[in-house]
């Protein structure tokens, strides 16, 4: 936990931020003193303050809060190694995706091509994001439903596996990882197959998954 210095929250449905309280408490209990940067919708700062006004376990380290801007793609972080851009997505409530780009990638004997990763969850299929995602090495895109549940996906602000594959295809990314599967699917193979019917280089996310980006 001590190596985590930046946290990015996409939106304020509770399953996407409720674990933050326990994480911050654990960081404090193990003696963290260095500041933590939190990038999230502005209302999360109010939620944190409300929580800590009622309990006595306010973290013993500084939290630097960075509210996300809904106007359009915005560079929200840059250091010597990476740049991070946020961009609005279309969900039932305000939500954002994130694009991470390396500035450089040193190799043993030669400089390697910098890598990029984009995270899109939760949200509707939105072809207008293709220009932002263009050519990234790895795209994570939600695939909550099979395409026969398209109307359900639209009504709940989600995408289908087929749409995730289509987003990867029109964005000309190198690899796609799909996730955020509805609990109705005990076996995610059909979701993976559907995405791969449009974009072959697709994997299904699971806990502990690691992917090598060349």
N, C-alpha and C. Protein backbone atom coordinates (compact mmCIF):
# COMPACT_ATOMS: atom_id res chain seq x y z
N UNK A 1 0.82 -1.21 0.00
CA UNK A 1 0.00 0.00 0.00
C UNK A 1 0.86 1.26 0.00
N UNK A 2 2.04 1.17 0.57
CA UNK A 2 2.89 2.34 0.66
C UNK A 2 3.38 2.84 -0.69
N UNK A 3 3.30 2.00 -1.72
CA UNK A 3 3.76 2.39 -3.05
C UNK A 3 2.68 3.13 -3.84
N UNK A 4 1.45 3.14 -3.34
CA UNK A 4 0.35 3.80 -4.04
C UNK A 4 0.36 5.29 -3.70
N UNK A 5 0.59 6.13 -4.69
CA UNK A 5 0.63 7.57 -4.47
C UNK A 5 -0.46 8.33 -5.23
N UNK A 6 -1.13 7.67 -6.18
CA UNK A 6 -2.18 8.30 -6.97
C UNK A 6 -3.33 7.32 -7.13
N UNK A 7 -4.54 7.80 -6.87
CA UNK A 7 -5.75 6.98 -7.01
C UNK A 7 -6.71 7.72 -7.94
N UNK A 8 -7.30 6.97 -8.89
CA UNK A 8 -8.20 7.56 -9.88
C UNK A 8 -9.57 6.90 -9.76
N UNK A 9 -10.61 7.69 -9.52
CA UNK A 9 -11.97 7.20 -9.34
C UNK A 9 -12.81 7.64 -10.53
N UNK A 10 -13.48 6.70 -11.20
CA UNK A 10 -14.21 7.03 -12.42
C UNK A 10 -15.53 7.74 -12.16
N UNK A 11 -16.28 7.29 -11.13
CA UNK A 11 -17.59 7.88 -10.87
C UNK A 11 -18.05 7.47 -9.47
N UNK A 12 -19.18 8.02 -9.06
CA UNK A 12 -19.59 7.87 -7.66
C UNK A 12 -20.74 6.90 -7.44
N UNK A 13 -20.81 5.82 -8.20
CA UNK A 13 -21.60 4.68 -7.78
C UNK A 13 -20.77 3.95 -6.72
N UNK A 14 -21.43 3.54 -5.65
CA UNK A 14 -20.70 3.13 -4.45
C UNK A 14 -19.72 1.99 -4.68
N UNK A 15 -20.01 1.09 -5.63
CA UNK A 15 -19.09 -0.03 -5.85
C UNK A 15 -17.76 0.41 -6.43
N UNK A 16 -17.67 1.67 -6.84
CA UNK A 16 -16.42 2.19 -7.41
C UNK A 16 -15.61 3.03 -6.43
N UNK A 17 -16.16 3.32 -5.25
CA UNK A 17 -15.36 4.13 -4.32
C UNK A 17 -15.50 3.72 -2.85
N UNK A 18 -16.46 2.85 -2.49
CA UNK A 18 -16.71 2.59 -1.08
C UNK A 18 -15.51 1.94 -0.39
N UNK A 19 -14.69 1.19 -1.15
CA UNK A 19 -13.51 0.57 -0.55
C UNK A 19 -12.41 1.55 -0.21
N UNK A 20 -12.57 2.80 -0.68
CA UNK A 20 -11.54 3.80 -0.45
C UNK A 20 -11.34 4.07 1.05
N UNK A 21 -12.44 4.06 1.82
CA UNK A 21 -12.33 4.36 3.25
C UNK A 21 -11.44 3.35 3.97
N UNK A 22 -11.63 2.07 3.67
CA UNK A 22 -10.80 1.05 4.30
C UNK A 22 -9.35 1.14 3.86
N UNK A 23 -9.13 1.45 2.58
CA UNK A 23 -7.77 1.57 2.07
C UNK A 23 -7.04 2.72 2.74
N UNK A 24 -7.68 3.88 2.86
CA UNK A 24 -7.06 5.02 3.51
C UNK A 24 -6.76 4.73 4.98
N UNK A 25 -7.70 4.04 5.64
CA UNK A 25 -7.49 3.68 7.04
C UNK A 25 -6.29 2.74 7.19
N UNK A 26 -6.18 1.75 6.30
CA UNK A 26 -5.05 0.82 6.36
C UNK A 26 -3.74 1.55 6.12
N UNK A 27 -3.71 2.45 5.15
CA UNK A 27 -2.50 3.23 4.87
C UNK A 27 -2.06 4.00 6.12
N UNK A 28 -3.03 4.57 6.81
CA UNK A 28 -2.72 5.35 8.01
C UNK A 28 -2.20 4.46 9.13
N UNK A 29 -2.83 3.28 9.30
CA UNK A 29 -2.45 2.38 10.39
C UNK A 29 -1.05 1.82 10.22
N UNK A 30 -0.60 1.67 8.95
CA UNK A 30 0.75 1.14 8.74
C UNK A 30 1.80 2.25 8.73
N UNK A 31 1.37 3.47 9.06
CA UNK A 31 2.32 4.54 9.29
C UNK A 31 2.63 5.44 8.11
N UNK A 32 1.78 5.46 7.12
CA UNK A 32 2.04 6.33 5.97
C UNK A 32 2.10 7.79 6.41
N UNK A 33 3.06 8.51 5.88
CA UNK A 33 3.20 9.94 6.16
C UNK A 33 3.18 10.77 4.88
N UNK A 34 3.54 10.16 3.73
CA UNK A 34 3.63 10.90 2.48
C UNK A 34 2.24 11.18 1.92
N UNK A 35 2.11 12.26 1.17
CA UNK A 35 0.81 12.66 0.65
C UNK A 35 0.31 11.69 -0.42
N UNK A 36 -1.01 11.65 -0.56
CA UNK A 36 -1.68 10.81 -1.54
C UNK A 36 -2.52 11.71 -2.44
N UNK A 37 -2.41 11.53 -3.76
CA UNK A 37 -3.18 12.31 -4.71
C UNK A 37 -4.42 11.51 -5.12
N UNK A 38 -5.58 12.14 -4.99
CA UNK A 38 -6.85 11.50 -5.29
C UNK A 38 -7.55 12.27 -6.40
N UNK A 39 -7.77 11.62 -7.54
CA UNK A 39 -8.42 12.23 -8.70
C UNK A 39 -9.82 11.63 -8.81
N UNK A 40 -10.84 12.47 -8.68
CA UNK A 40 -12.20 11.92 -8.58
C UNK A 40 -13.23 13.01 -8.83
N UNK A 41 -14.50 12.63 -9.05
CA UNK A 41 -15.56 13.63 -9.13
C UNK A 41 -15.59 14.50 -7.88
N UNK A 42 -15.91 15.77 -8.05
CA UNK A 42 -15.79 16.75 -6.97
C UNK A 42 -16.56 16.35 -5.72
N UNK A 43 -17.72 15.70 -5.88
CA UNK A 43 -18.55 15.37 -4.72
C UNK A 43 -17.88 14.38 -3.78
N UNK A 44 -16.89 13.65 -4.25
CA UNK A 44 -16.23 12.69 -3.37
C UNK A 44 -15.51 13.40 -2.23
N UNK A 45 -15.01 14.60 -2.48
CA UNK A 45 -14.37 15.35 -1.40
C UNK A 45 -15.36 15.64 -0.29
N UNK A 46 -16.59 15.98 -0.64
CA UNK A 46 -17.63 16.23 0.36
C UNK A 46 -17.98 14.95 1.11
N UNK A 47 -18.03 13.82 0.37
CA UNK A 47 -18.33 12.53 1.00
C UNK A 47 -17.25 12.17 2.01
N UNK A 48 -16.00 12.37 1.65
CA UNK A 48 -14.90 12.08 2.57
C UNK A 48 -14.98 12.95 3.82
N UNK A 49 -15.22 14.24 3.63
CA UNK A 49 -15.29 15.15 4.77
C UNK A 49 -16.46 14.79 5.67
N UNK A 50 -17.60 14.42 5.07
CA UNK A 50 -18.75 14.02 5.86
C UNK A 50 -18.45 12.77 6.68
N UNK A 51 -17.78 11.81 6.05
CA UNK A 51 -17.41 10.57 6.74
C UNK A 51 -16.49 10.86 7.93
N UNK A 52 -15.45 11.66 7.69
CA UNK A 52 -14.47 11.89 8.75
C UNK A 52 -14.98 12.84 9.83
N UNK A 53 -16.08 13.55 9.55
CA UNK A 53 -16.69 14.36 10.61
C UNK A 53 -17.45 13.50 11.62
N UNK A 54 -17.73 12.26 11.26
CA UNK A 54 -18.51 11.37 12.12
C UNK A 54 -17.67 10.29 12.79
N UNK A 55 -16.47 10.06 12.30
CA UNK A 55 -15.61 9.00 12.85
C UNK A 55 -14.27 9.60 13.25
N UNK A 56 -13.49 8.83 13.96
CA UNK A 56 -12.24 9.36 14.52
C UNK A 56 -11.00 8.81 13.85
N UNK A 57 -11.14 8.25 12.64
CA UNK A 57 -9.97 7.63 12.00
C UNK A 57 -9.53 8.39 10.76
N UNK A 58 -9.55 9.73 10.83
CA UNK A 58 -9.05 10.53 9.72
C UNK A 58 -7.60 10.15 9.45
N UNK A 59 -7.23 9.95 8.19
CA UNK A 59 -5.85 9.56 7.87
C UNK A 59 -4.82 10.54 8.42
N UNK A 60 -3.68 10.02 8.83
CA UNK A 60 -2.62 10.83 9.41
C UNK A 60 -1.61 11.27 8.36
N UNK A 61 -2.04 11.31 7.11
CA UNK A 61 -1.19 11.80 6.03
C UNK A 61 -2.04 12.72 5.15
N UNK A 62 -1.42 13.65 4.43
CA UNK A 62 -2.19 14.60 3.62
C UNK A 62 -2.78 13.94 2.37
N UNK A 63 -4.03 14.27 2.07
CA UNK A 63 -4.69 13.85 0.84
C UNK A 63 -4.87 15.08 -0.03
N UNK A 64 -4.30 15.04 -1.22
CA UNK A 64 -4.43 16.14 -2.19
C UNK A 64 -5.54 15.76 -3.15
N UNK A 65 -6.65 16.49 -3.10
CA UNK A 65 -7.82 16.14 -3.91
C UNK A 65 -7.82 16.92 -5.22
N UNK A 66 -8.04 16.20 -6.33
CA UNK A 66 -8.08 16.81 -7.66
C UNK A 66 -9.44 16.54 -8.28
N UNK A 67 -10.37 17.50 -8.29
CA UNK A 67 -11.69 17.26 -8.90
C UNK A 67 -11.57 17.15 -10.42
N UNK A 68 -12.34 16.22 -10.98
CA UNK A 68 -12.30 16.01 -12.42
C UNK A 68 -13.16 17.05 -13.14
N UNK A 69 -12.73 17.42 -14.34
CA UNK A 69 -13.39 18.44 -15.15
C UNK A 69 -14.23 17.76 -16.22
N UNK A 70 -15.52 18.11 -16.28
CA UNK A 70 -16.42 17.46 -17.21
C UNK A 70 -16.45 18.12 -18.58
N UNK A 71 -15.67 19.17 -18.79
CA UNK A 71 -15.74 19.93 -20.04
C UNK A 71 -15.21 19.14 -21.24
N UNK A 72 -14.26 18.27 -21.04
CA UNK A 72 -13.66 17.52 -22.14
C UNK A 72 -12.34 16.91 -21.70
N UNK A 73 -11.57 16.35 -22.62
CA UNK A 73 -10.28 15.76 -22.26
C UNK A 73 -9.40 16.78 -21.54
N UNK A 74 -8.85 16.38 -20.40
CA UNK A 74 -8.08 17.29 -19.56
C UNK A 74 -6.86 16.56 -19.01
N UNK A 75 -5.67 17.12 -19.18
CA UNK A 75 -4.50 16.53 -18.56
C UNK A 75 -4.55 16.82 -17.07
N UNK A 76 -4.61 15.77 -16.26
CA UNK A 76 -4.80 15.94 -14.83
C UNK A 76 -3.54 15.63 -14.03
N UNK A 77 -2.56 15.00 -14.67
CA UNK A 77 -1.31 14.68 -13.95
C UNK A 77 -0.18 14.53 -14.96
N UNK A 78 0.97 15.02 -14.59
CA UNK A 78 2.18 14.81 -15.39
C UNK A 78 3.37 14.81 -14.46
N UNK A 79 4.27 13.87 -14.64
CA UNK A 79 5.52 13.85 -13.90
C UNK A 79 6.62 13.45 -14.87
N UNK A 80 7.76 13.04 -14.37
CA UNK A 80 8.88 12.73 -15.24
C UNK A 80 8.64 11.48 -16.09
N UNK A 81 7.67 10.66 -15.71
CA UNK A 81 7.50 9.36 -16.35
C UNK A 81 6.21 9.22 -17.16
N UNK A 82 5.13 9.89 -16.73
CA UNK A 82 3.83 9.60 -17.32
C UNK A 82 2.96 10.85 -17.35
N UNK A 83 2.04 10.88 -18.32
CA UNK A 83 0.99 11.88 -18.39
C UNK A 83 -0.36 11.17 -18.30
N UNK A 84 -1.30 11.77 -17.57
CA UNK A 84 -2.63 11.19 -17.41
C UNK A 84 -3.67 12.20 -17.85
N UNK A 85 -4.56 11.76 -18.73
CA UNK A 85 -5.64 12.60 -19.23
C UNK A 85 -6.97 11.98 -18.84
N UNK A 86 -7.88 12.78 -18.33
CA UNK A 86 -9.24 12.31 -18.06
C UNK A 86 -10.16 12.76 -19.19
N UNK A 87 -11.24 12.01 -19.39
CA UNK A 87 -12.22 12.38 -20.41
C UNK A 87 -13.60 11.90 -19.96
N UNK A 88 -14.64 12.71 -20.19
CA UNK A 88 -15.99 12.31 -19.77
C UNK A 88 -16.50 11.10 -20.56
N UNK A 89 -17.20 10.22 -19.88
CA UNK A 89 -17.91 9.13 -20.53
C UNK A 89 -19.41 9.29 -20.27
N UNK A 90 -20.22 8.49 -20.97
CA UNK A 90 -21.68 8.62 -20.86
C UNK A 90 -22.24 7.51 -19.98
N UNK A 91 -22.61 7.88 -18.77
CA UNK A 91 -23.17 6.91 -17.83
C UNK A 91 -24.41 7.54 -17.20
N UNK A 92 -25.01 6.85 -16.24
CA UNK A 92 -26.22 7.40 -15.62
C UNK A 92 -25.92 8.61 -14.76
N UNK A 93 -24.70 8.72 -14.29
CA UNK A 93 -24.24 9.87 -13.52
C UNK A 93 -22.93 10.33 -14.14
N UNK A 94 -22.42 11.52 -13.79
CA UNK A 94 -21.14 11.95 -14.36
C UNK A 94 -20.04 10.91 -14.13
N UNK A 95 -19.31 10.60 -15.19
CA UNK A 95 -18.28 9.56 -15.12
C UNK A 95 -17.15 9.93 -16.06
N UNK A 96 -15.98 9.35 -15.79
CA UNK A 96 -14.78 9.67 -16.56
C UNK A 96 -14.00 8.41 -16.89
N UNK A 97 -13.26 8.48 -17.97
CA UNK A 97 -12.24 7.49 -18.28
C UNK A 97 -10.87 8.13 -18.10
N UNK A 98 -9.84 7.31 -18.21
CA UNK A 98 -8.48 7.81 -18.00
C UNK A 98 -7.55 7.23 -19.07
N UNK A 99 -6.66 8.08 -19.55
CA UNK A 99 -5.64 7.68 -20.52
C UNK A 99 -4.27 7.93 -19.92
N UNK A 100 -3.47 6.89 -19.83
CA UNK A 100 -2.12 6.96 -19.27
C UNK A 100 -1.11 6.78 -20.40
N UNK A 101 -0.18 7.73 -20.52
CA UNK A 101 0.86 7.65 -21.55
C UNK A 101 2.24 7.82 -20.92
N UNK A 102 3.12 6.86 -21.18
CA UNK A 102 4.51 7.01 -20.75
C UNK A 102 5.17 8.13 -21.56
N UNK A 103 6.07 8.88 -20.90
CA UNK A 103 6.86 9.89 -21.61
C UNK A 103 8.06 9.26 -22.30
N UNK A 104 8.63 8.27 -21.65
CA UNK A 104 9.75 7.53 -22.24
C UNK A 104 9.78 6.16 -21.59
N UNK A 105 10.51 5.26 -22.20
CA UNK A 105 10.62 3.89 -21.69
C UNK A 105 12.03 3.41 -21.90
N UNK A 106 12.89 3.58 -20.91
CA UNK A 106 14.29 3.18 -21.08
C UNK A 106 14.45 1.68 -21.17
N UNK A 107 15.33 1.23 -22.03
CA UNK A 107 15.67 -0.18 -22.14
C UNK A 107 17.11 -0.41 -21.69
N UNK A 108 17.53 -1.66 -21.69
CA UNK A 108 18.89 -1.98 -21.26
C UNK A 108 19.92 -1.41 -22.24
N UNK A 109 19.65 -1.57 -23.54
CA UNK A 109 20.61 -1.13 -24.54
C UNK A 109 20.06 -0.07 -25.49
N UNK A 110 18.73 0.11 -25.46
CA UNK A 110 18.13 1.07 -26.37
C UNK A 110 16.82 1.57 -25.78
N UNK A 111 16.41 2.74 -26.22
CA UNK A 111 15.14 3.27 -25.77
C UNK A 111 14.00 2.49 -26.43
N UNK A 112 13.00 2.13 -25.65
CA UNK A 112 11.85 1.40 -26.15
C UNK A 112 10.69 2.35 -26.38
N UNK A 113 9.75 1.94 -27.21
CA UNK A 113 8.59 2.77 -27.52
C UNK A 113 7.75 2.97 -26.26
N UNK A 114 7.42 4.21 -25.88
CA UNK A 114 6.58 4.44 -24.70
C UNK A 114 5.23 3.74 -24.86
N UNK A 115 4.68 3.29 -23.74
CA UNK A 115 3.43 2.55 -23.75
C UNK A 115 2.26 3.44 -23.33
N UNK A 116 1.05 2.97 -23.64
CA UNK A 116 -0.16 3.72 -23.28
C UNK A 116 -1.26 2.75 -22.87
N UNK A 117 -2.10 3.22 -21.97
CA UNK A 117 -3.21 2.41 -21.45
C UNK A 117 -4.42 3.32 -21.25
N UNK A 118 -5.59 2.88 -21.69
CA UNK A 118 -6.83 3.64 -21.50
C UNK A 118 -7.83 2.79 -20.74
N UNK A 119 -8.55 3.43 -19.84
CA UNK A 119 -9.54 2.77 -18.99
C UNK A 119 -10.90 3.39 -19.25
N UNK A 120 -11.86 2.60 -19.73
CA UNK A 120 -13.22 3.09 -20.03
C UNK A 120 -14.25 2.25 -19.29
N UNK A 121 -14.68 2.70 -18.15
CA UNK A 121 -15.74 2.05 -17.39
C UNK A 121 -16.21 3.01 -16.31
N UNK A 122 -17.48 3.09 -16.09
CA UNK A 122 -18.60 2.49 -16.77
C UNK A 122 -19.11 3.48 -17.83
N UNK A 123 -19.82 2.98 -18.84
CA UNK A 123 -20.35 3.91 -19.80
C UNK A 123 -20.95 3.26 -21.03
N UNK A 124 -21.74 4.04 -21.74
CA UNK A 124 -22.32 3.63 -23.00
C UNK A 124 -21.25 3.56 -24.09
N UNK A 125 -21.51 2.78 -25.11
CA UNK A 125 -20.68 2.78 -26.31
C UNK A 125 -20.69 4.19 -26.90
N UNK A 126 -19.51 4.76 -27.09
CA UNK A 126 -19.40 6.16 -27.51
C UNK A 126 -18.31 6.29 -28.56
N UNK A 127 -18.67 6.18 -29.85
CA UNK A 127 -17.67 6.23 -30.91
C UNK A 127 -16.86 7.53 -30.93
N UNK A 128 -17.39 8.60 -30.34
CA UNK A 128 -16.65 9.87 -30.35
C UNK A 128 -15.38 9.80 -29.53
N UNK A 129 -15.24 8.76 -28.70
CA UNK A 129 -14.02 8.60 -27.90
C UNK A 129 -12.87 8.01 -28.73
N UNK A 130 -13.15 7.57 -29.93
CA UNK A 130 -12.12 6.89 -30.73
C UNK A 130 -10.89 7.75 -30.95
N UNK A 131 -11.08 9.04 -31.14
CA UNK A 131 -9.93 9.92 -31.37
C UNK A 131 -9.04 10.01 -30.13
N UNK A 132 -9.64 9.95 -28.94
CA UNK A 132 -8.87 9.99 -27.70
C UNK A 132 -8.10 8.69 -27.50
N UNK A 133 -8.73 7.59 -27.86
CA UNK A 133 -8.16 6.27 -27.61
C UNK A 133 -7.25 5.79 -28.73
N UNK A 134 -7.15 6.54 -29.79
CA UNK A 134 -6.49 6.11 -31.02
C UNK A 134 -5.10 5.52 -30.78
N UNK A 135 -4.95 4.25 -31.15
CA UNK A 135 -3.64 3.62 -31.16
C UNK A 135 -3.05 3.24 -29.83
N UNK A 136 -3.83 3.26 -28.74
CA UNK A 136 -3.23 2.91 -27.45
C UNK A 136 -2.81 1.44 -27.45
N UNK A 137 -1.81 1.14 -26.65
CA UNK A 137 -1.32 -0.24 -26.57
C UNK A 137 -2.36 -1.17 -25.95
N UNK A 138 -3.05 -0.68 -24.90
CA UNK A 138 -4.00 -1.52 -24.18
C UNK A 138 -5.22 -0.70 -23.80
N UNK A 139 -6.39 -1.20 -24.16
CA UNK A 139 -7.66 -0.57 -23.79
C UNK A 139 -8.44 -1.51 -22.89
N UNK A 140 -8.84 -1.00 -21.72
CA UNK A 140 -9.82 -1.72 -20.90
C UNK A 140 -11.17 -1.07 -21.17
N UNK A 141 -12.14 -1.88 -21.58
CA UNK A 141 -13.48 -1.36 -21.85
C UNK A 141 -14.51 -2.28 -21.22
N UNK A 142 -15.49 -1.68 -20.59
CA UNK A 142 -16.53 -2.51 -19.99
C UNK A 142 -17.31 -3.27 -21.05
N UNK A 143 -17.82 -4.44 -20.67
CA UNK A 143 -18.64 -5.28 -21.54
C UNK A 143 -19.66 -5.98 -20.65
N UNK A 144 -20.59 -5.20 -20.14
CA UNK A 144 -21.50 -5.70 -19.11
C UNK A 144 -22.43 -6.79 -19.63
N UNK A 145 -22.88 -6.66 -20.89
CA UNK A 145 -23.89 -7.57 -21.41
C UNK A 145 -23.49 -8.14 -22.77
N UNK A 146 -24.11 -9.26 -23.12
CA UNK A 146 -24.10 -9.72 -24.51
C UNK A 146 -24.99 -8.80 -25.34
N UNK A 147 -24.80 -8.81 -26.65
CA UNK A 147 -25.47 -7.81 -27.49
C UNK A 147 -26.98 -8.03 -27.58
N UNK A 148 -27.47 -9.22 -27.22
CA UNK A 148 -28.93 -9.41 -27.20
C UNK A 148 -29.59 -8.63 -26.08
N UNK A 149 -28.78 -8.08 -25.16
CA UNK A 149 -29.28 -7.23 -24.07
C UNK A 149 -28.95 -5.76 -24.35
N UNK A 150 -28.91 -5.38 -25.63
CA UNK A 150 -28.53 -4.02 -25.99
C UNK A 150 -29.43 -2.98 -25.34
N UNK A 151 -30.73 -3.19 -25.34
CA UNK A 151 -31.63 -2.20 -24.74
C UNK A 151 -31.40 -2.09 -23.24
N UNK A 152 -31.13 -3.22 -22.59
CA UNK A 152 -30.80 -3.20 -21.17
C UNK A 152 -29.51 -2.41 -20.94
N UNK A 153 -28.52 -2.62 -21.80
CA UNK A 153 -27.26 -1.88 -21.69
C UNK A 153 -27.51 -0.38 -21.82
N UNK A 154 -28.29 0.01 -22.80
CA UNK A 154 -28.57 1.43 -23.01
C UNK A 154 -29.30 2.04 -21.83
N UNK A 155 -30.27 1.32 -21.28
CA UNK A 155 -31.07 1.88 -20.19
C UNK A 155 -30.30 2.01 -18.89
N UNK A 156 -29.24 1.22 -18.73
CA UNK A 156 -28.44 1.26 -17.51
C UNK A 156 -27.11 1.98 -17.68
N UNK A 157 -26.86 2.50 -18.88
CA UNK A 157 -25.62 3.24 -19.12
C UNK A 157 -24.40 2.36 -19.27
N UNK A 158 -24.57 1.21 -19.92
CA UNK A 158 -23.46 0.27 -20.09
C UNK A 158 -23.28 -0.10 -21.56
N UNK A 159 -22.26 -0.92 -21.82
CA UNK A 159 -21.94 -1.37 -23.17
C UNK A 159 -22.05 -2.89 -23.26
N UNK A 160 -22.19 -3.37 -24.48
CA UNK A 160 -22.16 -4.82 -24.72
C UNK A 160 -20.76 -5.25 -25.13
N UNK A 161 -20.53 -6.55 -25.10
CA UNK A 161 -19.22 -7.08 -25.50
C UNK A 161 -18.94 -6.77 -26.96
N UNK A 162 -19.97 -6.85 -27.80
CA UNK A 162 -19.79 -6.53 -29.21
C UNK A 162 -19.36 -5.07 -29.39
N UNK A 163 -19.97 -4.18 -28.60
CA UNK A 163 -19.62 -2.76 -28.68
C UNK A 163 -18.21 -2.50 -28.18
N UNK A 164 -17.79 -3.24 -27.17
CA UNK A 164 -16.41 -3.09 -26.69
C UNK A 164 -15.42 -3.46 -27.78
N UNK A 165 -15.71 -4.57 -28.49
CA UNK A 165 -14.86 -4.95 -29.60
C UNK A 165 -14.86 -3.91 -30.70
N UNK A 166 -16.03 -3.34 -30.96
CA UNK A 166 -16.12 -2.31 -32.00
C UNK A 166 -15.33 -1.06 -31.60
N UNK A 167 -15.38 -0.68 -30.33
CA UNK A 167 -14.60 0.47 -29.88
C UNK A 167 -13.10 0.24 -30.09
N UNK A 168 -12.64 -0.96 -29.77
CA UNK A 168 -11.23 -1.29 -29.99
C UNK A 168 -10.89 -1.23 -31.47
N UNK A 169 -11.81 -1.72 -32.31
CA UNK A 169 -11.54 -1.75 -33.76
C UNK A 169 -11.46 -0.34 -34.34
N UNK A 170 -12.43 0.51 -34.04
CA UNK A 170 -12.44 1.84 -34.64
C UNK A 170 -11.36 2.74 -34.04
N UNK A 171 -10.87 2.39 -32.86
CA UNK A 171 -9.80 3.17 -32.23
C UNK A 171 -8.42 2.66 -32.63
N UNK A 172 -8.38 1.53 -33.33
CA UNK A 172 -7.12 0.95 -33.80
C UNK A 172 -6.14 0.72 -32.64
N UNK A 173 -6.66 0.16 -31.53
CA UNK A 173 -5.80 -0.15 -30.40
C UNK A 173 -5.08 -1.46 -30.66
N UNK A 174 -4.08 -1.77 -29.85
CA UNK A 174 -3.33 -3.01 -30.03
C UNK A 174 -3.97 -4.18 -29.30
N UNK A 175 -4.40 -3.96 -28.06
CA UNK A 175 -5.00 -5.01 -27.25
C UNK A 175 -6.24 -4.48 -26.55
N UNK A 176 -7.21 -5.36 -26.33
CA UNK A 176 -8.44 -5.03 -25.61
C UNK A 176 -8.62 -5.99 -24.45
N UNK A 177 -8.97 -5.45 -23.30
CA UNK A 177 -9.39 -6.25 -22.15
C UNK A 177 -10.81 -5.84 -21.80
N UNK A 178 -11.71 -6.80 -21.70
CA UNK A 178 -13.09 -6.50 -21.33
C UNK A 178 -13.36 -6.96 -19.90
N UNK A 179 -14.29 -6.27 -19.25
CA UNK A 179 -14.63 -6.60 -17.87
C UNK A 179 -15.96 -5.99 -17.48
N UNK A 180 -16.20 -5.91 -16.14
CA UNK A 180 -17.45 -5.38 -15.60
C UNK A 180 -18.64 -6.22 -16.09
N UNK A 181 -18.48 -7.53 -16.05
CA UNK A 181 -19.51 -8.43 -16.56
C UNK A 181 -20.70 -8.51 -15.61
N UNK A 182 -21.90 -8.55 -16.16
CA UNK A 182 -23.09 -8.75 -15.35
C UNK A 182 -23.00 -10.09 -14.62
N UNK A 183 -23.51 -10.11 -13.38
CA UNK A 183 -23.48 -11.34 -12.58
C UNK A 183 -24.33 -12.44 -13.18
N UNK A 184 -25.17 -12.11 -14.16
CA UNK A 184 -26.00 -13.14 -14.80
C UNK A 184 -25.15 -14.13 -15.60
N UNK A 185 -23.92 -13.72 -15.96
CA UNK A 185 -23.07 -14.59 -16.77
C UNK A 185 -22.10 -15.34 -15.86
N UNK A 186 -22.42 -16.60 -15.60
CA UNK A 186 -21.54 -17.43 -14.77
C UNK A 186 -20.29 -17.84 -15.54
N UNK A 187 -20.39 -17.90 -16.86
CA UNK A 187 -19.28 -18.20 -17.75
C UNK A 187 -19.16 -17.02 -18.71
N UNK A 188 -18.00 -16.34 -18.71
CA UNK A 188 -17.85 -15.13 -19.54
C UNK A 188 -17.34 -15.46 -20.95
N UNK A 189 -17.19 -16.75 -21.26
CA UNK A 189 -16.69 -17.12 -22.59
C UNK A 189 -17.53 -16.54 -23.72
N UNK A 190 -18.87 -16.56 -23.63
CA UNK A 190 -19.66 -15.97 -24.71
C UNK A 190 -19.39 -14.48 -24.89
N UNK A 191 -19.16 -13.76 -23.80
CA UNK A 191 -18.83 -12.34 -23.89
C UNK A 191 -17.49 -12.15 -24.60
N UNK A 192 -16.52 -12.97 -24.22
CA UNK A 192 -15.20 -12.89 -24.85
C UNK A 192 -15.29 -13.22 -26.33
N UNK A 193 -16.03 -14.27 -26.66
CA UNK A 193 -16.17 -14.66 -28.06
C UNK A 193 -16.84 -13.56 -28.88
N UNK A 194 -17.83 -12.89 -28.28
CA UNK A 194 -18.53 -11.85 -29.01
C UNK A 194 -17.60 -10.67 -29.29
N UNK A 195 -16.83 -10.26 -28.30
CA UNK A 195 -15.88 -9.16 -28.52
C UNK A 195 -14.83 -9.56 -29.56
N UNK A 196 -14.36 -10.81 -29.49
CA UNK A 196 -13.32 -11.26 -30.42
C UNK A 196 -13.85 -11.40 -31.85
N UNK A 197 -15.16 -11.51 -32.02
CA UNK A 197 -15.71 -11.58 -33.37
C UNK A 197 -15.51 -10.26 -34.12
N UNK A 198 -15.27 -9.20 -33.36
CA UNK A 198 -15.03 -7.89 -33.96
C UNK A 198 -13.55 -7.51 -33.85
N UNK A 199 -12.93 -7.87 -32.69
CA UNK A 199 -11.54 -7.49 -32.44
C UNK A 199 -10.85 -8.70 -31.82
N UNK A 200 -10.03 -9.39 -32.59
CA UNK A 200 -9.48 -10.68 -32.20
C UNK A 200 -8.60 -10.61 -30.96
N UNK A 201 -7.77 -9.57 -30.83
CA UNK A 201 -6.80 -9.51 -29.75
C UNK A 201 -7.46 -9.00 -28.46
N UNK A 202 -8.37 -9.82 -27.93
CA UNK A 202 -9.16 -9.47 -26.76
C UNK A 202 -8.97 -10.50 -25.66
N UNK A 203 -8.89 -10.02 -24.42
CA UNK A 203 -8.83 -10.89 -23.25
C UNK A 203 -9.95 -10.51 -22.29
N UNK A 204 -10.35 -11.46 -21.45
CA UNK A 204 -11.35 -11.19 -20.42
C UNK A 204 -10.65 -10.94 -19.09
N UNK A 205 -11.05 -9.89 -18.40
CA UNK A 205 -10.42 -9.54 -17.13
C UNK A 205 -10.82 -10.51 -16.03
N UNK A 206 -9.88 -10.78 -15.13
CA UNK A 206 -10.16 -11.54 -13.91
C UNK A 206 -9.18 -11.08 -12.85
N UNK A 207 -9.50 -11.33 -11.60
CA UNK A 207 -8.63 -10.90 -10.50
C UNK A 207 -7.24 -11.50 -10.66
N UNK A 208 -6.24 -10.62 -10.60
CA UNK A 208 -4.86 -11.08 -10.69
C UNK A 208 -4.31 -11.14 -12.10
N UNK A 209 -5.14 -10.76 -13.10
CA UNK A 209 -4.67 -10.78 -14.48
C UNK A 209 -3.51 -9.80 -14.68
N UNK A 210 -2.47 -10.25 -15.35
CA UNK A 210 -1.36 -9.37 -15.75
C UNK A 210 -1.20 -9.50 -17.26
N UNK A 211 -0.88 -8.37 -17.91
CA UNK A 211 -0.72 -8.34 -19.36
C UNK A 211 0.58 -7.63 -19.67
N UNK A 212 1.39 -8.24 -20.50
CA UNK A 212 2.64 -7.64 -20.94
C UNK A 212 2.39 -6.75 -22.15
N UNK A 213 2.79 -5.49 -22.06
CA UNK A 213 2.69 -4.59 -23.19
C UNK A 213 4.08 -4.43 -23.77
N UNK A 214 4.26 -4.85 -25.01
CA UNK A 214 5.58 -4.78 -25.64
C UNK A 214 5.92 -3.35 -26.07
